[in-house]
C-alpha atoms as a PDB file:
ATOM      1  CA  MET A   1      -0.769  -5.851  12.055  1.00  0.00           C
ATOM      2  CA  GLN A   2      -0.369  -9.422  10.910  1.00  0.00           C
ATOM      3  CA  CYS A   3      -3.491 -11.302   9.859  1.00  0.00           C
ATOM      4  CA  CYS A   4      -1.926 -14.726   9.528  1.00  0.00           C
ATOM      5  CA  ASN A   5       1.311 -16.558  10.149  1.00  0.00           C
ATOM      6  CA  LYS A   6       2.763 -15.862   6.704  1.00  0.00           C
ATOM      7  CA  THR A   7       5.757 -13.574   6.281  1.00  0.00           C
ATOM      8  CA  LYS A   8       7.567 -12.163   3.255  1.00  0.00           C
ATOM      9  CA  HIS A   9      11.262 -11.357   3.034  1.00  0.00           C
ATOM     10  CA  ARG A  10      11.815  -8.388   0.720  1.00  0.00           C
ATOM     11  CA  ASP A  11      15.082  -7.642  -1.014  1.00  0.00           C
ATOM     12  CA  ASP A  12      16.804  -4.397  -0.069  1.00  0.00           C
ATOM     13  CA  ASP A  13      15.569  -2.424  -3.095  1.00  0.00           C
ATOM     14  CA  GLU A  14      11.926  -3.402  -2.617  1.00  0.00           C
ATOM     15  CA  TYR A  15      12.124  -2.732   1.117  1.00  0.00           C
ATOM     16  CA  LYS A  16      13.732   0.697   0.663  1.00  0.00           C
ATOM     17  CA  ASP A  17      11.212   1.700  -2.009  1.00  0.00           C
ATOM     18  CA  LEU A  18       8.217   0.721   0.121  1.00  0.00           C
ATOM     19  CA  ILE A  19       9.580   2.386   3.264  1.00  0.00           C
ATOM     20  CA  ASN A  20      10.453   5.585   1.368  1.00  0.00           C
ATOM     21  CA  ARG A  21       6.932   5.747  -0.054  1.00  0.00           C
ATOM     22  CA  LEU A  22       5.406   5.205   3.384  1.00  0.00           C
ATOM     23  CA  ASN A  23       7.652   7.887   4.885  1.00  0.00           C
ATOM     24  CA  ARG A  24       6.495  10.376   2.247  1.00  0.00           C
ATOM     25  CA  ILE A  25       2.851   9.469   2.887  1.00  0.00           C
ATOM     26  CA  GLU A  26       3.396   9.856   6.621  1.00  0.00           C
ATOM     27  CA  GLY A  27       4.878  13.300   6.001  1.00  0.00           C
ATOM     28  CA  GLN A  28       1.917  14.271   3.845  1.00  0.00           C
ATOM     29  CA  LEU A  29      -0.469  13.186   6.617  1.00  0.00           C
ATOM     30  CA  ARG A  30       1.426  15.276   9.161  1.00  0.00           C
ATOM     31  CA  GLY A  31       1.153  18.191   6.733  1.00  0.00           C
ATOM     32  CA  ILE A  32      -2.618  17.748   6.538  1.00  0.00           C
ATOM     33  CA  LYS A  33      -2.844  17.676  10.324  1.00  0.00           C
ATOM     34  CA  SER A  34      -0.849  20.885  10.471  1.00  0.00           C
ATOM     35  CA  MET A  35      -3.141  22.474   7.884  1.00  0.00           C
ATOM     36  CA  VAL A  36      -6.207  21.617   9.999  1.00  0.00           C
ATOM     37  CA  GLU A  37      -4.504  22.941  13.138  1.00  0.00           C
ATOM     38  CA  SER A  38      -3.634  26.203  11.394  1.00  0.00           C
ATOM     39  CA  GLU A  39      -7.188  26.568  10.081  1.00  0.00           C
ATOM     40  CA  ARG A  40      -6.302  26.374   6.395  1.00  0.00           C
ATOM     41  CA  TYR A  41      -9.055  26.653   3.823  1.00  0.00           C
ATOM     42  CA  CYS A  42     -11.027  23.457   3.135  1.00  0.00           C
ATOM     43  CA  THR A  43     -10.151  23.088  -0.545  1.00  0.00           C
ATOM     44  CA  ASP A  44      -6.443  23.416   0.226  1.00  0.00           C
ATOM     45  CA  ILE A  45      -6.730  20.557   2.709  1.00  0.00           C
ATOM     46  CA  LEU A  46      -8.866  18.479   0.350  1.00  0.00           C
ATOM     47  CA  THR A  47      -6.237  18.878  -2.372  1.00  0.00           C
ATOM     48  CA  GLN A  48      -3.663  17.394  -0.021  1.00  0.00           C
ATOM     49  CA  VAL A  49      -6.061  14.610   1.016  1.00  0.00           C
ATOM     50  CA  SER A  50      -6.393  13.723  -2.670  1.00  0.00           C
ATOM     51  CA  ALA A  51      -2.603  13.634  -3.016  1.00  0.00           C
ATOM     52  CA  VAL A  52      -2.271  11.289  -0.017  1.00  0.00           C
ATOM     53  CA  SER A  53      -5.005   9.059  -1.367  1.00  0.00           C
ATOM     54  CA  SER A  54      -3.219   8.833  -4.730  1.00  0.00           C
ATOM     55  CA  ALA A  55       0.100   8.091  -3.051  1.00  0.00           C
ATOM     56  CA  LEU A  56      -1.457   5.357  -0.923  1.00  0.00           C
ATOM     57  CA  ASN A  57      -3.143   3.828  -3.977  1.00  0.00           C
ATOM     58  CA  ALA A  58       0.193   3.842  -5.816  1.00  0.00           C
ATOM     59  CA  PHE A  59       1.818   2.139  -2.814  1.00  0.00           C
ATOM     60  CA  GLY A  60      -0.895  -0.526  -2.849  1.00  0.00           C
ATOM     61  CA  LYS A  61      -0.479  -1.135  -6.580  1.00  0.00           C
ATOM     62  CA  ILE A  62       3.267  -1.604  -6.224  1.00  0.00           C
ATOM     63  CA  LEU A  63       2.838  -3.924  -3.254  1.00  0.00           C
ATOM     64  CA  LEU A  64       0.204  -5.933  -5.155  1.00  0.00           C
ATOM     65  CA  GLN A  65       2.437  -6.163  -8.219  1.00  0.00           C
ATOM     66  CA  ASN A  66       5.349  -7.381  -6.100  1.00  0.00           C
ATOM     67  CA  HIS A  67       3.049  -9.867  -4.356  1.00  0.00           C
ATOM     68  CA  ILE A  68       1.807 -11.322  -7.651  1.00  0.00           C
ATOM     69  CA  LYS A  69       5.312 -11.603  -9.105  1.00  0.00           C
ATOM     70  CA  SER A  70       6.750 -13.312  -6.039  1.00  0.00           C
ATOM     71  CA  CYS A  71       4.348 -14.878  -3.531  1.00  0.00           C
ATOM     72  CA  VAL A  72       1.500 -15.732  -5.903  1.00  0.00           C
ATOM     73  CA  ALA A  73       3.739 -16.986  -8.707  1.00  0.00           C
ATOM     74  CA  ASN A  74       5.782 -19.127  -6.309  1.00  0.00           C
ATOM     75  CA  ASP A  75       2.693 -20.606  -4.673  1.00  0.00           C
ATOM     76  CA  ILE A  76       1.151 -21.494  -8.039  1.00  0.00           C
ATOM     77  CA  ARG A  77       4.422 -23.087  -9.196  1.00  0.00           C
ATOM     78  CA  ASN A  78       4.368 -25.141  -5.984  1.00  0.00           C
ATOM     79  CA  GLY A  79       0.772 -26.261  -6.569  1.00  0.00           C
ATOM     80  CA  ASN A  80      -0.841 -24.014  -3.965  1.00  0.00           C
ATOM     81  CA  ASP A  81      -3.838 -22.788  -5.954  1.00  0.00           C
ATOM     82  CA  SER A  82      -5.554 -21.414  -2.822  1.00  0.00           C
ATOM     83  CA  THR A  83      -3.380 -18.343  -3.311  1.00  0.00           C
ATOM     84  CA  ILE A  84      -5.533 -17.452  -6.318  1.00  0.00           C
ATOM     85  CA  GLU A  85      -8.610 -17.137  -4.086  1.00  0.00           C
ATOM     86  CA  GLU A  86      -6.607 -15.085  -1.612  1.00  0.00           C
ATOM     87  CA  LEU A  87      -5.475 -12.808  -4.462  1.00  0.00           C
ATOM     88  CA  CYS A  88      -9.030 -12.392  -5.773  1.00  0.00           C
ATOM     89  CA  GLY A  89     -10.178 -11.449  -2.279  1.00  0.00           C
ATOM     90  CA  ILE A  90      -7.506  -8.808  -1.786  1.00  0.00           C
ATOM     91  CA  ILE A  91      -8.161  -7.306  -5.227  1.00  0.00           C
ATOM     92  CA  GLN A  92     -11.849  -6.986  -4.340  1.00  0.00           C
ATOM     93  CA  LYS A  93     -10.940  -5.234  -1.079  1.00  0.00           C
ATOM     94  CA  MET A  94      -8.607  -2.853  -2.899  1.00  0.00           C
ATOM     95  CA  MET A  95     -11.241  -1.941  -5.471  1.00  0.00           C
ATOM     96  CA  LYS A  96     -13.819  -0.777  -2.892  1.00  0.00           C
END
């Protein structure tokens, strides 16, 4: 899902790290689905939900850090201060 016409090229290491994290999260979600289907006990499922939530938060933090170090820093260097407002908005969304 793309919300605007901006794109970001990621170097191979960043790309591989993000994709590996998403693959692990996807696997955890499939595991939760399987637990529900096999009628596992609620607290066992909730423990896994907590693990997925933590993994997704960690993914978001890494993506935000990479965004600040590259996109935001480059835009500010180039005089595009509107990126600061965009950054403030996304941080507010992430902190909900």
